[in-house]
Amino acid sequence: MNVVELLADLQARHDEATTRAGELRDQIEHLTAALAETEARLTDLATTRKVIAELVPTGGEPEPPESASAYQAILSAFNKHPDQALRVRDLHELLGMPTDDPAMNVSRSRLGRLTRQGFLTQPGRGLYQKRT
C-alpha cells in the first residue's frame, strides 16, 4: 500500500466516523427532548393527582402516600422559594435529605439536568435558582 492509498483509506475512515458521530448527536438530541417531555408530563400528572386529592372530601378513603420523585421534590422546593438561590446542602436541609457527599453529588447532577432543561438557572458557582 503506497502513501496515496493510505491517505485515501484514512480519509474514508474519517468520513465514516464523522457520519457516525453526527448520527449519534441526532439520537442524543432526540432522546434529550423525549426525556424532557416525559419528565414534564410526570410533573403535570403529579400536580393533577395532588389537586384531585385535595378536592376529595376527607373522611373517605385514606390518601395514597405521596410518591413524589426527587425531581418533583426539588422543583417544589424551588417553587416555594422562587427568589432564593440555594446551594445543594441548603436544598438537602430544606427537604430533610441526607447531607453526605454521595447524596449531594446525585442532587448536583439532578440540578444540572434541571438547569440544562431550563427549569432552573445558576446565578453563581454552586447556586441554583428557579428560572423566572
Protein backbone atom coordinates (compact mmCIF):
# COMPACT_ATOMS: atom_id res chain seq x y z
CA MET A 1 0.00 0.00 0.00
CA ASN A 2 1.50 3.32 -1.01
CA VAL A 3 1.14 6.66 0.78
CA VAL A 4 -1.65 7.90 -1.51
CA GLU A 5 -3.75 4.78 -0.87
CA LEU A 6 -3.06 5.03 2.86
CA LEU A 7 -4.20 8.67 2.93
CA ALA A 8 -7.33 7.82 0.94
CA ASP A 9 -8.13 4.98 3.36
CA LEU A 10 -7.63 7.29 6.35
CA GLN A 11 -9.89 9.90 4.75
CA ALA A 12 -12.61 7.30 4.16
CA ARG A 13 -12.40 6.16 7.79
CA HIS A 14 -12.52 9.76 8.94
CA ASP A 15 -15.63 10.40 6.83
CA GLU A 16 -17.33 7.28 8.24
CA ALA A 17 -16.53 8.31 11.81
CA THR A 18 -17.80 11.86 11.14
CA THR A 19 -21.06 10.48 9.76
CA ARG A 20 -21.50 8.15 12.74
CA ALA A 21 -20.79 10.98 15.20
CA GLY A 22 -23.49 13.07 13.52
CA GLU A 23 -25.98 10.22 13.76
CA LEU A 24 -25.19 9.77 17.46
CA ARG A 25 -25.61 13.53 18.10
CA ASP A 26 -29.02 13.37 16.42
CA GLN A 27 -30.01 10.42 18.63
CA ILE A 28 -28.86 12.25 21.77
CA GLU A 29 -30.85 15.33 20.77
CA HIS A 30 -33.96 13.24 20.15
CA LEU A 31 -33.61 11.32 23.44
CA THR A 32 -32.96 14.51 25.41
CA ALA A 33 -36.13 16.08 24.02
CA ALA A 34 -38.14 12.92 24.73
CA LEU A 35 -36.83 12.79 28.31
CA ALA A 36 -37.71 16.45 28.92
CA GLU A 37 -41.24 15.87 27.60
CA THR A 38 -41.69 12.76 29.76
CA GLU A 39 -40.40 14.48 32.92
CA ALA A 40 -42.70 17.45 32.26
CA ARG A 41 -45.61 15.02 31.83
CA LEU A 42 -44.69 13.31 35.13
CA THR A 43 -44.70 16.68 36.88
CA ASP A 44 -48.08 17.54 35.36
CA LEU A 45 -49.52 14.19 36.44
CA ALA A 46 -48.23 14.59 39.98
CA THR A 47 -49.73 18.08 40.18
CA THR A 48 -53.05 16.81 38.84
CA ARG A 49 -53.07 13.95 41.34
CA LYS A 50 -52.33 16.37 44.18
CA VAL A 51 -55.12 18.77 43.14
CA ILE A 52 -57.63 15.94 42.83
CA ALA A 53 -56.59 14.52 46.20
CA GLU A 54 -57.20 17.93 47.77
CA LEU A 55 -60.69 18.03 46.25
CA VAL A 56 -61.70 14.61 47.60
CA PRO A 57 -63.79 15.01 50.77
CA THR A 58 -62.00 13.97 53.93
CA GLY A 59 -63.25 11.07 55.97
CA GLY A 60 -63.45 8.77 52.97
CA GLU A 61 -60.60 6.66 51.76
CA PRO A 62 -57.20 7.50 53.15
CA GLU A 63 -54.99 9.46 50.79
CA PRO A 64 -52.37 7.46 48.95
CA PRO A 65 -48.85 8.04 50.21
CA GLU A 66 -47.04 10.85 48.48
CA SER A 67 -44.68 9.37 45.94
CA ALA A 68 -43.04 12.47 44.53
CA SER A 69 -39.85 11.82 42.68
CA ALA A 70 -36.66 13.56 43.68
CA TYR A 71 -37.03 15.90 40.71
CA GLN A 72 -40.54 16.85 41.78
CA ALA A 73 -39.39 17.46 45.35
CA ILE A 74 -36.55 19.66 44.11
CA LEU A 75 -38.82 21.68 41.81
CA SER A 76 -41.38 22.00 44.58
CA ALA A 77 -38.74 23.44 46.91
CA PHE A 78 -37.69 25.99 44.30
CA ASN A 79 -41.36 26.85 43.63
CA LYS A 80 -41.82 27.57 47.34
CA HIS A 81 -38.69 29.79 47.35
CA PRO A 82 -38.67 31.31 43.81
CA ASP A 83 -36.44 34.31 44.60
CA GLN A 84 -33.92 32.41 46.71
CA ALA A 85 -30.68 30.95 45.32
CA LEU A 86 -29.88 27.67 47.05
CA ARG A 87 -26.77 25.57 47.41
CA VAL A 88 -27.08 21.79 47.31
CA ARG A 89 -26.55 21.49 51.07
CA ASP A 90 -29.25 24.13 51.72
CA LEU A 91 -31.65 22.25 49.45
CA HIS A 92 -30.94 18.97 51.24
CA GLU A 93 -31.53 20.56 54.63
CA LEU A 94 -34.73 22.18 53.37
CA LEU A 95 -36.03 18.83 52.06
CA GLY A 96 -34.76 16.78 55.01
CA MET A 97 -32.44 14.79 52.75
CA PRO A 98 -29.08 13.35 53.88
CA THR A 99 -26.15 15.74 53.52
CA ASP A 100 -23.46 13.15 52.87
CA ASP A 101 -21.29 13.64 49.77
CA PRO A 102 -22.76 10.81 47.65
CA ALA A 103 -26.33 12.03 48.15
CA MET A 104 -25.37 15.63 47.41
CA ASN A 105 -23.47 14.59 44.27
CA VAL A 106 -26.62 12.91 42.96
CA SER A 107 -28.55 16.12 43.65
CA ARG A 108 -25.88 18.19 41.89
CA SER A 109 -26.40 16.01 38.84
CA ARG A 110 -30.17 16.45 39.04
CA LEU A 111 -29.81 20.22 39.46
CA GLY A 112 -27.53 20.31 36.43
CA ARG A 113 -30.12 18.46 34.38
CA LEU A 114 -32.91 20.79 35.55
CA THR A 115 -30.70 23.76 34.67
CA ARG A 116 -30.00 22.41 31.18
CA GLN A 117 -33.71 21.82 30.67
CA GLY A 118 -34.49 25.41 31.59
CA PHE A 119 -36.31 24.90 34.89
CA LEU A 120 -33.50 26.46 36.96
CA THR A 121 -30.73 29.00 36.50
CA GLN A 122 -27.29 29.14 38.03
CA PRO A 123 -26.75 32.71 39.28
CA GLY A 124 -23.36 31.80 40.77
CA ARG A 125 -21.00 28.90 41.18
CA GLY A 126 -22.80 26.22 43.19
CA LEU A 127 -26.00 28.25 43.41
CA TYR A 128 -29.31 27.30 41.81
CA GLN A 129 -32.49 29.32 41.47
CA LYS A 130 -35.89 28.97 39.84
CA ARG A 131 -35.95 30.44 36.33
CA THR A 132 -38.24 33.47 36.21
